[in-house]
Amino acid sequence: MVRVVGELDISHEDEVRAELRRAVESDGDGIVVDLTECAFIDSSGVRALLLGYEAQREETDEDSLLAVAAESEQILRILTVMGVDKVIPVRPSVDKAIAEIQG
């Protein structure tokens, strides 16, 4: 689980990318990116998510072992408008994101 609290923007992109890389390298069961307490995401944050997804795919050759949990309508709208939900499963809660990666 990679949990983001506050903002996921250019000032936090490197930190989140590093956390996702560590999660990919250490967890074969899947990764949930918990954005339920994230108040804001910009294109740098979206980039961090997509790069984490790419790293996970390269490591495991699996398509669905990374999911995002987001409750905020604003965050969900940004992820939808930017097409993230077409690549990474985006679910409205952590439990639903966990269920997604567990199949």
PDB file of N, CA and C in Angstrom:
ATOM      1  N   MET A   1       0.848  -1.177   0.000  1.00  0.00           N
ATOM      2  CA  MET A   1       0.000   0.000   0.000  1.00  0.00           C
ATOM      3  C   MET A   1       0.890   1.236   0.000  1.00  0.00           C
ATOM      4  N   VAL A   2       0.589   2.144  -0.900  1.00  0.00           N
ATOM      5  CA  VAL A   2       1.249   3.441  -0.938  1.00  0.00           C
ATOM      6  C   VAL A   2       0.154   4.460  -0.654  1.00  0.00           C
ATOM      7  N   ARG A   3       0.295   5.160   0.458  1.00  0.00           N
ATOM      8  CA  ARG A   3      -0.740   6.094   0.904  1.00  0.00           C
ATOM      9  C   ARG A   3      -0.273   7.523   0.690  1.00  0.00           C
ATOM     10  N   VAL A   4      -1.127   8.317   0.056  1.00  0.00           N
ATOM     11  CA  VAL A   4      -0.818   9.719  -0.208  1.00  0.00           C
ATOM     12  C   VAL A   4      -1.784  10.577   0.599  1.00  0.00           C
ATOM     13  N   VAL A   5      -1.229  11.436   1.434  1.00  0.00           N
ATOM     14  CA  VAL A   5      -2.030  12.354   2.244  1.00  0.00           C
ATOM     15  C   VAL A   5      -1.660  13.770   1.814  1.00  0.00           C
ATOM     16  N   GLY A   6      -2.678  14.576   1.574  1.00  0.00           N
ATOM     17  CA  GLY A   6      -2.427  15.961   1.181  1.00  0.00           C
ATOM     18  C   GLY A   6      -2.431  16.113  -0.319  1.00  0.00           C
ATOM     19  N   GLU A   7      -1.322  16.570  -0.865  1.00  0.00           N
ATOM     20  CA  GLU A   7      -1.250  16.857  -2.289  1.00  0.00           C
ATOM     21  C   GLU A   7      -0.271  15.931  -2.994  1.00  0.00           C
ATOM     22  N   LEU A   8      -0.647  15.543  -4.196  1.00  0.00           N
ATOM     23  CA  LEU A   8       0.252  14.777  -5.061  1.00  0.00           C
ATOM     24  C   LEU A   8       0.526  15.663  -6.267  1.00  0.00           C
ATOM     25  N   ASP A   9       1.575  16.462  -6.116  1.00  0.00           N
ATOM     26  CA  ASP A   9       1.941  17.416  -7.147  1.00  0.00           C
ATOM     27  C   ASP A   9       3.440  17.348  -7.383  1.00  0.00           C
ATOM     28  N   ILE A  10       3.960  18.286  -8.113  1.00  0.00           N
ATOM     29  CA  ILE A  10       5.367  18.245  -8.488  1.00  0.00           C
ATOM     30  C   ILE A  10       6.293  18.202  -7.271  1.00  0.00           C
ATOM     31  N   SER A  11       5.882  18.797  -6.171  1.00  0.00           N
ATOM     32  CA  SER A  11       6.744  18.807  -4.985  1.00  0.00           C
ATOM     33  C   SER A  11       6.777  17.450  -4.280  1.00  0.00           C
ATOM     34  N   HIS A  12       5.852  16.561  -4.600  1.00  0.00           N
ATOM     35  CA  HIS A  12       5.817  15.230  -3.971  1.00  0.00           C
ATOM     36  C   HIS A  12       5.980  14.088  -4.970  1.00  0.00           C
ATOM     37  N   GLU A  13       6.099  14.416  -6.247  1.00  0.00           N
ATOM     38  CA  GLU A  13       6.173  13.391  -7.288  1.00  0.00           C
ATOM     39  C   GLU A  13       7.330  12.414  -7.062  1.00  0.00           C
ATOM     40  N   ASP A  14       8.522  12.922  -6.807  1.00  0.00           N
ATOM     41  CA  ASP A  14       9.680  12.041  -6.638  1.00  0.00           C
ATOM     42  C   ASP A  14       9.510  11.101  -5.450  1.00  0.00           C
ATOM     43  N   GLU A  15       8.964  11.628  -4.366  1.00  0.00           N
ATOM     44  CA  GLU A  15       8.739  10.814  -3.166  1.00  0.00           C
ATOM     45  C   GLU A  15       7.750   9.676  -3.454  1.00  0.00           C
ATOM     46  N   VAL A  16       6.661   9.991  -4.138  1.00  0.00           N
ATOM     47  CA  VAL A  16       5.658   8.969  -4.459  1.00  0.00           C
ATOM     48  C   VAL A  16       6.227   7.968  -5.456  1.00  0.00           C
ATOM     49  N   ARG A  17       6.974   8.451  -6.441  1.00  0.00           N
ATOM     50  CA  ARG A  17       7.602   7.523  -7.395  1.00  0.00           C
ATOM     51  C   ARG A  17       8.552   6.571  -6.678  1.00  0.00           C
ATOM     52  N   ALA A  18       9.323   7.073  -5.728  1.00  0.00           N
ATOM     53  CA  ALA A  18      10.247   6.216  -4.975  1.00  0.00           C
ATOM     54  C   ALA A  18       9.476   5.185  -4.149  1.00  0.00           C
ATOM     55  N   GLU A  19       8.388   5.619  -3.516  1.00  0.00           N
ATOM     56  CA  GLU A  19       7.568   4.674  -2.738  1.00  0.00           C
ATOM     57  C   GLU A  19       6.960   3.593  -3.634  1.00  0.00           C
ATOM     58  N   LEU A  20       6.491   3.994  -4.803  1.00  0.00           N
ATOM     59  CA  LEU A  20       5.937   3.012  -5.739  1.00  0.00           C
ATOM     60  C   LEU A  20       7.012   2.044  -6.206  1.00  0.00           C
ATOM     61  N   ARG A  21       8.200   2.538  -6.478  1.00  0.00           N
ATOM     62  CA  ARG A  21       9.307   1.668  -6.896  1.00  0.00           C
ATOM     63  C   ARG A  21       9.624   0.658  -5.795  1.00  0.00           C
ATOM     64  N   ARG A  22       9.699   1.120  -4.542  1.00  0.00           N
ATOM     65  CA  ARG A  22       9.960   0.204  -3.422  1.00  0.00           C
ATOM     66  C   ARG A  22       8.851  -0.837  -3.313  1.00  0.00           C
ATOM     67  N   ALA A  23       7.611  -0.408  -3.484  1.00  0.00           N
ATOM     68  CA  ALA A  23       6.481  -1.336  -3.401  1.00  0.00           C
ATOM     69  C   ALA A  23       6.548  -2.368  -4.516  1.00  0.00           C
ATOM     70  N   VAL A  24       6.890  -1.941  -5.713  1.00  0.00           N
ATOM     71  CA  VAL A  24       7.008  -2.870  -6.842  1.00  0.00           C
ATOM     72  C   VAL A  24       8.095  -3.896  -6.567  1.00  0.00           C
ATOM     73  N   GLU A  25       9.223  -3.444  -6.050  1.00  0.00           N
ATOM     74  CA  GLU A  25      10.353  -4.336  -5.807  1.00  0.00           C
ATOM     75  C   GLU A  25      10.121  -5.297  -4.652  1.00  0.00           C
ATOM     76  N   SER A  26       9.234  -4.947  -3.720  1.00  0.00           N
ATOM     77  CA  SER A  26       9.075  -5.785  -2.532  1.00  0.00           C
ATOM     78  C   SER A  26       7.758  -6.534  -2.453  1.00  0.00           C
ATOM     79  N   ASP A  27       6.789  -6.231  -3.316  1.00  0.00           N
ATOM     80  CA  ASP A  27       5.456  -6.809  -3.133  1.00  0.00           C
ATOM     81  C   ASP A  27       4.970  -7.477  -4.403  1.00  0.00           C
ATOM     82  N   GLY A  28       4.906  -8.808  -4.374  1.00  0.00           N
ATOM     83  CA  GLY A  28       4.416  -9.549  -5.519  1.00  0.00           C
ATOM     84  C   GLY A  28       2.913  -9.717  -5.533  1.00  0.00           C
ATOM     85  N   ASP A  29       2.228  -9.297  -4.478  1.00  0.00           N
ATOM     86  CA  ASP A  29       0.784  -9.494  -4.382  1.00  0.00           C
ATOM     87  C   ASP A  29      -0.029  -8.333  -4.932  1.00  0.00           C
ATOM     88  N   GLY A  30       0.593  -7.262  -5.294  1.00  0.00           N
ATOM     89  CA  GLY A  30      -0.123  -6.119  -5.839  1.00  0.00           C
ATOM     90  C   GLY A  30       0.044  -4.891  -4.973  1.00  0.00           C
ATOM     91  N   ILE A  31      -0.303  -3.768  -5.567  1.00  0.00           N
ATOM     92  CA  ILE A  31      -0.127  -2.478  -4.910  1.00  0.00           C
ATOM     93  C   ILE A  31      -1.425  -1.685  -5.005  1.00  0.00           C
ATOM     94  N   VAL A  32      -1.831  -1.127  -3.888  1.00  0.00           N
ATOM     95  CA  VAL A  32      -2.938  -0.182  -3.869  1.00  0.00           C
ATOM     96  C   VAL A  32      -2.349   1.187  -3.564  1.00  0.00           C
ATOM     97  N   VAL A  33      -2.655   2.151  -4.411  1.00  0.00           N
ATOM     98  CA  VAL A  33      -2.275   3.534  -4.157  1.00  0.00           C
ATOM     99  C   VAL A  33      -3.503   4.189  -3.530  1.00  0.00           C
ATOM    100  N   ASP A  34      -3.386   4.495  -2.262  1.00  0.00           N
ATOM    101  CA  ASP A  34      -4.504   5.047  -1.488  1.00  0.00           C
ATOM    102  C   ASP A  34      -4.499   6.567  -1.589  1.00  0.00           C
ATOM    103  N   LEU A  35      -5.440   7.081  -2.388  1.00  0.00           N
ATOM    104  CA  LEU A  35      -5.599   8.526  -2.534  1.00  0.00           C
ATOM    105  C   LEU A  35      -6.823   9.029  -1.781  1.00  0.00           C
ATOM    106  N   THR A  36      -7.337   8.237  -0.846  1.00  0.00           N
ATOM    107  CA  THR A  36      -8.561   8.629  -0.144  1.00  0.00           C
ATOM    108  C   THR A  36      -8.367   9.867   0.730  1.00  0.00           C
ATOM    109  N   GLU A  37      -7.119  10.174   1.098  1.00  0.00           N
ATOM    110  CA  GLU A  37      -6.847  11.386   1.866  1.00  0.00           C
ATOM    111  C   GLU A  37      -6.039  12.397   1.060  1.00  0.00           C
ATOM    112  N   CYS A  38      -6.034  12.213  -0.249  1.00  0.00           N
ATOM    113  CA  CYS A  38      -5.353  13.137  -1.150  1.00  0.00           C
ATOM    114  C   CYS A  38      -6.326  14.253  -1.502  1.00  0.00           C
ATOM    115  N   ALA A  39      -5.903  15.483  -1.304  1.00  0.00           N
ATOM    116  CA  ALA A  39      -6.774  16.633  -1.553  1.00  0.00           C
ATOM    117  C   ALA A  39      -6.597  17.209  -2.953  1.00  0.00           C
ATOM    118  N   PHE A  40      -5.456  16.930  -3.587  1.00  0.00           N
ATOM    119  CA  PHE A  40      -5.166  17.541  -4.880  1.00  0.00           C
ATOM    120  C   PHE A  40      -4.185  16.664  -5.632  1.00  0.00           C
ATOM    121  N   ILE A  41      -4.394  16.550  -6.942  1.00  0.00           N
ATOM    122  CA  ILE A  41      -3.437  15.857  -7.797  1.00  0.00           C
ATOM    123  C   ILE A  41      -3.295  16.668  -9.076  1.00  0.00           C
ATOM    124  N   ASP A  42      -2.062  16.804  -9.548  1.00  0.00           N
ATOM    125  CA  ASP A  42      -1.842  17.490 -10.816  1.00  0.00           C
ATOM    126  C   ASP A  42      -1.207  16.521 -11.803  1.00  0.00           C
ATOM    127  N   SER A  43      -0.786  17.035 -12.942  1.00  0.00           N
ATOM    128  CA  SER A  43      -0.240  16.158 -13.979  1.00  0.00           C
ATOM    129  C   SER A  43       1.025  15.436 -13.518  1.00  0.00           C
ATOM    130  N   SER A  44       1.804  16.044 -12.620  1.00  0.00           N
ATOM    131  CA  SER A  44       2.992  15.353 -12.092  1.00  0.00           C
ATOM    132  C   SER A  44       2.589  14.159 -11.244  1.00  0.00           C
ATOM    133  N   GLY A  45       1.522  14.308 -10.482  1.00  0.00           N
ATOM    134  CA  GLY A  45       1.020  13.196  -9.689  1.00  0.00           C
ATOM    135  C   GLY A  45       0.487  12.086 -10.565  1.00  0.00           C
ATOM    136  N   VAL A  46      -0.224  12.458 -11.611  1.00  0.00           N
ATOM    137  CA  VAL A  46      -0.718  11.463 -12.565  1.00  0.00           C
ATOM    138  C   VAL A  46       0.460  10.740 -13.198  1.00  0.00           C
ATOM    139  N   ARG A  47       1.484  11.486 -13.539  1.00  0.00           N
ATOM    140  CA  ARG A  47       2.699  10.885 -14.116  1.00  0.00           C
ATOM    141  C   ARG A  47       3.316   9.882 -13.151  1.00  0.00           C
ATOM    142  N   ALA A  48       3.381  10.215 -11.878  1.00  0.00           N
ATOM    143  CA  ALA A  48       3.926   9.293 -10.881  1.00  0.00           C
ATOM    144  C   ALA A  48       3.124   7.997 -10.848  1.00  0.00           C
ATOM    145  N   LEU A  49       1.789   8.100 -10.906  1.00  0.00           N
ATOM    146  CA  LEU A  49       0.949   6.908 -10.914  1.00  0.00           C
ATOM    147  C   LEU A  49       1.212   6.048 -12.142  1.00  0.00           C
ATOM    148  N   LEU A  50       1.281   6.692 -13.303  1.00  0.00           N
ATOM    149  CA  LEU A  50       1.492   5.947 -14.544  1.00  0.00           C
ATOM    150  C   LEU A  50       2.877   5.305 -14.592  1.00  0.00           C
ATOM    151  N   LEU A  51       3.887   6.002 -14.092  1.00  0.00           N
ATOM    152  CA  LEU A  51       5.225   5.415 -14.045  1.00  0.00           C
ATOM    153  C   LEU A  51       5.283   4.249 -13.057  1.00  0.00           C
ATOM    154  N   GLY A  52       4.544   4.368 -11.956  1.00  0.00           N
ATOM    155  CA  GLY A  52       4.458   3.245 -11.016  1.00  0.00           C
ATOM    156  C   GLY A  52       3.801   2.041 -11.655  1.00  0.00           C
ATOM    157  N   TYR A  53       2.754   2.283 -12.413  1.00  0.00           N
ATOM    158  CA  TYR A  53       2.068   1.211 -13.136  1.00  0.00           C
ATOM    159  C   TYR A  53       3.010   0.551 -14.146  1.00  0.00           C
ATOM    160  N   GLU A  54       3.732   1.372 -14.892  1.00  0.00           N
ATOM    161  CA  GLU A  54       4.693   0.835 -15.864  1.00  0.00           C
ATOM    162  C   GLU A  54       5.759  -0.006 -15.168  1.00  0.00           C
ATOM    163  N   ALA A  55       6.281   0.478 -14.051  1.00  0.00           N
ATOM    164  CA  ALA A  55       7.296  -0.275 -13.309  1.00  0.00           C
ATOM    165  C   ALA A  55       6.739  -1.603 -12.831  1.00  0.00           C
ATOM    166  N   GLN A  56       5.503  -1.596 -12.361  1.00  0.00           N
ATOM    167  CA  GLN A  56       4.863  -2.823 -11.903  1.00  0.00           C
ATOM    168  C   GLN A  56       4.704  -3.811 -13.055  1.00  0.00           C
ATOM    169  N   ARG A  57       4.288  -3.320 -14.204  1.00  0.00           N
ATOM    170  CA  ARG A  57       4.122  -4.189 -15.382  1.00  0.00           C
ATOM    171  C   ARG A  57       5.455  -4.778 -15.818  1.00  0.00           C
ATOM    172  N   GLU A  58       6.503  -3.969 -15.816  1.00  0.00           N
ATOM    173  CA  GLU A  58       7.824  -4.459 -16.209  1.00  0.00           C
ATOM    174  C   GLU A  58       8.317  -5.534 -15.254  1.00  0.00           C
ATOM    175  N   GLU A  59       8.027  -5.367 -13.976  1.00  0.00           N
ATOM    176  CA  GLU A  59       8.490  -6.303 -12.950  1.00  0.00           C
ATOM    177  C   GLU A  59       7.714  -7.612 -12.981  1.00  0.00           C
ATOM    178  N   THR A  60       6.418  -7.550 -13.247  1.00  0.00           N
ATOM    179  CA  THR A  60       5.587  -8.743 -13.094  1.00  0.00           C
ATOM    180  C   THR A  60       4.913  -9.231 -14.365  1.00  0.00           C
ATOM    181  N   ASP A  61       4.915  -8.438 -15.428  1.00  0.00           N
ATOM    182  CA  ASP A  61       4.190  -8.771 -16.665  1.00  0.00           C
ATOM    183  C   ASP A  61       2.703  -8.979 -16.414  1.00  0.00           C
ATOM    184  N   GLU A  62       2.170  -8.346 -15.403  1.00  0.00           N
ATOM    185  CA  GLU A  62       0.741  -8.431 -15.076  1.00  0.00           C
ATOM    186  C   GLU A  62       0.097  -7.077 -15.310  1.00  0.00           C
ATOM    187  N   ASP A  63      -1.170  -7.088 -15.733  1.00  0.00           N
ATOM    188  CA  ASP A  63      -1.871  -5.839 -15.995  1.00  0.00           C
ATOM    189  C   ASP A  63      -2.627  -5.285 -14.794  1.00  0.00           C
ATOM    190  N   SER A  64      -3.024  -6.118 -13.855  1.00  0.00           N
ATOM    191  CA  SER A  64      -3.976  -5.644 -12.850  1.00  0.00           C
ATOM    192  C   SER A  64      -3.474  -5.761 -11.413  1.00  0.00           C
ATOM    193  N   LEU A  65      -2.190  -5.648 -11.210  1.00  0.00           N
ATOM    194  CA  LEU A  65      -1.679  -5.749  -9.849  1.00  0.00           C
ATOM    195  C   LEU A  65      -1.428  -4.384  -9.208  1.00  0.00           C
ATOM    196  N   LEU A  66      -1.932  -3.341  -9.816  1.00  0.00           N
ATOM    197  CA  LEU A  66      -1.870  -2.016  -9.227  1.00  0.00           C
ATOM    198  C   LEU A  66      -3.236  -1.381  -9.416  1.00  0.00           C
ATOM    199  N   ALA A  67      -3.784  -0.852  -8.335  1.00  0.00           N
ATOM    200  CA  ALA A  67      -5.076  -0.172  -8.389  1.00  0.00           C
ATOM    201  C   ALA A  67      -5.003   1.077  -7.525  1.00  0.00           C
ATOM    202  N   VAL A  68      -5.849   2.032  -7.846  1.00  0.00           N
ATOM    203  CA  VAL A  68      -5.913   3.300  -7.122  1.00  0.00           C
ATOM    204  C   VAL A  68      -7.237   3.378  -6.385  1.00  0.00           C
ATOM    205  N   ALA A  69      -7.186   3.812  -5.133  1.00  0.00           N
ATOM    206  CA  ALA A  69      -8.398   4.082  -4.346  1.00  0.00           C
ATOM    207  C   ALA A  69      -8.523   5.590  -4.198  1.00  0.00           C
ATOM    208  N   ALA A  70      -9.647   6.128  -4.658  1.00  0.00           N
ATOM    209  CA  ALA A  70      -9.878   7.576  -4.559  1.00  0.00           C
ATOM    210  C   ALA A  70     -11.352   7.826  -4.283  1.00  0.00           C
ATOM    211  N   GLU A  71     -11.635   8.628  -3.267  1.00  0.00           N
ATOM    212  CA  GLU A  71     -13.018   8.949  -2.892  1.00  0.00           C
ATOM    213  C   GLU A  71     -13.450  10.328  -3.371  1.00  0.00           C
ATOM    214  N   SER A  72     -12.534  11.253  -3.429  1.00  0.00           N
ATOM    215  CA  SER A  72     -12.847  12.641  -3.773  1.00  0.00           C
ATOM    216  C   SER A  72     -13.348  12.735  -5.206  1.00  0.00           C
ATOM    217  N   GLU A  73     -14.472  13.430  -5.379  1.00  0.00           N
ATOM    218  CA  GLU A  73     -15.005  13.636  -6.731  1.00  0.00           C
ATOM    219  C   GLU A  73     -14.010  14.393  -7.603  1.00  0.00           C
ATOM    220  N   GLN A  74     -13.297  15.339  -7.007  1.00  0.00           N
ATOM    221  CA  GLN A  74     -12.311  16.108  -7.760  1.00  0.00           C
ATOM    222  C   GLN A  74     -11.177  15.201  -8.250  1.00  0.00           C
ATOM    223  N   ILE A  75     -10.662  14.366  -7.372  1.00  0.00           N
ATOM    224  CA  ILE A  75      -9.576  13.453  -7.760  1.00  0.00           C
ATOM    225  C   ILE A  75     -10.078  12.464  -8.807  1.00  0.00           C
ATOM    226  N   LEU A  76     -11.256  11.896  -8.586  1.00  0.00           N
ATOM    227  CA  LEU A  76     -11.825  10.955  -9.554  1.00  0.00           C
ATOM    228  C   LEU A  76     -12.015  11.621 -10.915  1.00  0.00           C
ATOM    229  N   ARG A  77     -12.478  12.844 -10.923  1.00  0.00           N
ATOM    230  CA  ARG A  77     -12.696  13.567 -12.176  1.00  0.00           C
ATOM    231  C   ARG A  77     -11.370  13.783 -12.914  1.00  0.00           C
ATOM    232  N   ILE A  78     -10.344  14.179 -12.198  1.00  0.00           N
ATOM    233  CA  ILE A  78      -9.032  14.388 -12.829  1.00  0.00           C
ATOM    234  C   ILE A  78      -8.510  13.081 -13.414  1.00  0.00           C
ATOM    235  N   LEU A  79      -8.611  11.990 -12.646  1.00  0.00           N
ATOM    236  CA  LEU A  79      -8.125  10.699 -13.140  1.00  0.00           C
ATOM    237  C   LEU A  79      -8.909  10.236 -14.364  1.00  0.00           C
ATOM    238  N   THR A  80     -10.189  10.551 -14.389  1.00  0.00           N
ATOM    239  CA  THR A  80     -11.034  10.177 -15.535  1.00  0.00           C
ATOM    240  C   THR A  80     -10.721  11.046 -16.756  1.00  0.00           C
ATOM    241  N   VAL A  81     -10.667  12.351 -16.552  1.00  0.00           N
ATOM    242  CA  VAL A  81     -10.394  13.274 -17.662  1.00  0.00           C
ATOM    243  C   VAL A  81      -9.034  12.975 -18.289  1.00  0.00           C
ATOM    244  N   MET A  82      -8.052  12.633 -17.466  1.00  0.00           N
ATOM    245  CA  MET A  82      -6.715  12.358 -17.983  1.00  0.00           C
ATOM    246  C   MET A  82      -6.565  10.925 -18.487  1.00  0.00           C
ATOM    247  N   GLY A  83      -7.612  10.126 -18.362  1.00  0.00           N
ATOM    248  CA  GLY A  83      -7.594   8.772 -18.909  1.00  0.00           C
ATOM    249  C   GLY A  83      -6.889   7.736 -18.059  1.00  0.00           C
ATOM    250  N   VAL A  84      -6.541   8.095 -16.838  1.00  0.00           N
ATOM    251  CA  VAL A  84      -5.852   7.146 -15.959  1.00  0.00           C
ATOM    252  C   VAL A  84      -6.710   5.910 -15.724  1.00  0.00           C
ATOM    253  N   ASP A  85      -8.025   6.118 -15.581  1.00  0.00           N
ATOM    254  CA  ASP A  85      -8.921   4.998 -15.306  1.00  0.00           C
ATOM    255  C   ASP A  85      -9.015   4.015 -16.474  1.00  0.00           C
ATOM    256  N   LYS A  86      -8.526   4.390 -17.645  1.00  0.00           N
ATOM    257  CA  LYS A  86      -8.488   3.486 -18.792  1.00  0.00           C
ATOM    258  C   LYS A  86      -7.290   2.547 -18.722  1.00  0.00           C
ATOM    259  N   VAL A  87      -6.288   2.945 -17.919  1.00  0.00           N
ATOM    260  CA  VAL A  87      -5.047   2.178 -17.809  1.00  0.00           C
ATOM    261  C   VAL A  87      -4.943   1.469 -16.465  1.00  0.00           C
ATOM    262  N   ILE A  88      -5.268   2.191 -15.402  1.00  0.00           N
ATOM    263  CA  ILE A  88      -5.153   1.683 -14.034  1.00  0.00           C
ATOM    264  C   ILE A  88      -6.555   1.604 -13.442  1.00  0.00           C
ATOM    265  N   PRO A  89      -6.904   0.482 -12.822  1.00  0.00           N
ATOM    266  CA  PRO A  89      -8.205   0.431 -12.150  1.00  0.00           C
ATOM    267  C   PRO A  89      -8.283   1.490 -11.049  1.00  0.00           C
ATOM    268  N   VAL A  90      -9.324   2.304 -11.095  1.00  0.00           N
ATOM    269  CA  VAL A  90      -9.565   3.331 -10.080  1.00  0.00           C
ATOM    270  C   VAL A  90     -10.865   2.962  -9.385  1.00  0.00           C
ATOM    271  N   ARG A  91     -10.793   2.768  -8.071  1.00  0.00           N
ATOM    272  CA  ARG A  91     -11.946   2.344  -7.291  1.00  0.00           C
ATOM    273  C   ARG A  91     -12.233   3.361  -6.199  1.00  0.00           C
ATOM    274  N   PRO A  92     -13.483   3.428  -5.718  1.00  0.00           N
ATOM    275  CA  PRO A  92     -13.874   4.460  -4.758  1.00  0.00           C
ATOM    276  C   PRO A  92     -13.478   4.186  -3.302  1.00  0.00           C
ATOM    277  N   SER A  93     -12.828   3.062  -3.034  1.00  0.00           N
ATOM    278  CA  SER A  93     -12.386   2.781  -1.663  1.00  0.00           C
ATOM    279  C   SER A  93     -11.190   1.842  -1.692  1.00  0.00           C
ATOM    280  N   VAL A  94     -10.472   1.814  -0.589  1.00  0.00           N
ATOM    281  CA  VAL A  94      -9.337   0.920  -0.464  1.00  0.00           C
ATOM    282  C   VAL A  94      -9.774  -0.523  -0.567  1.00  0.00           C
ATOM    283  N   ASP A  95     -10.889  -0.879   0.091  1.00  0.00           N
ATOM    284  CA  ASP A  95     -11.374  -2.254   0.035  1.00  0.00           C
ATOM    285  C   ASP A  95     -11.664  -2.692  -1.401  1.00  0.00           C
ATOM    286  N   LYS A  96     -12.272  -1.819  -2.189  1.00  0.00           N
ATOM    287  CA  LYS A  96     -12.589  -2.171  -3.575  1.00  0.00           C
ATOM    288  C   LYS A  96     -11.319  -2.242  -4.429  1.00  0.00           C
ATOM    289  N   ALA A  97     -10.341  -1.415  -4.125  1.00  0.00           N
ATOM    290  CA  ALA A  97      -9.061  -1.484  -4.845  1.00  0.00           C
ATOM    291  C   ALA A  97      -8.335  -2.775  -4.513  1.00  0.00           C
ATOM    292  N   ILE A  98      -8.379  -3.181  -3.246  1.00  0.00           N
ATOM    293  CA  ILE A  98      -7.754  -4.459  -2.851  1.00  0.00           C
ATOM    294  C   ILE A  98      -8.444  -5.603  -3.552  1.00  0.00           C
ATOM    295  N   ALA A  99      -9.762  -5.575  -3.589  1.00  0.00           N
ATOM    296  CA  ALA A  99     -10.522  -6.627  -4.277  1.00  0.00           C
ATOM    297  C   ALA A  99     -10.157  -6.684  -5.750  1.00  0.00           C
ATOM    298  N   GLU A 100      -9.906  -5.531  -6.346  1.00  0.00           N
ATOM    299  CA  GLU A 100      -9.525  -5.475  -7.761  1.00  0.00           C
ATOM    300  C   GLU A 100      -8.219  -6.213  -8.026  1.00  0.00           C
ATOM    301  N   ILE A 101      -7.220  -6.001  -7.184  1.00  0.00           N
ATOM    302  CA  ILE A 101      -5.935  -6.641  -7.431  1.00  0.00           C
ATOM    303  C   ILE A 101      -5.907  -8.103  -7.010  1.00  0.00           C
ATOM    304  N   GLN A 102      -6.843  -8.474  -6.137  1.00  0.00           N
ATOM    305  CA  GLN A 102      -6.907  -9.878  -5.733  1.00  0.00           C
ATOM    306  C   GLN A 102      -7.717 -10.720  -6.705  1.00  0.00           C
ATOM    307  N   GLY A 103      -8.412 -10.055  -7.611  1.00  0.00           N
ATOM    308  CA  GLY A 103      -9.165 -10.779  -8.639  1.00  0.00           C
ATOM    309  C   GLY A 103     -10.465 -11.184  -8.160  1.00  0.00           C
TER     310      GLY A 103
END
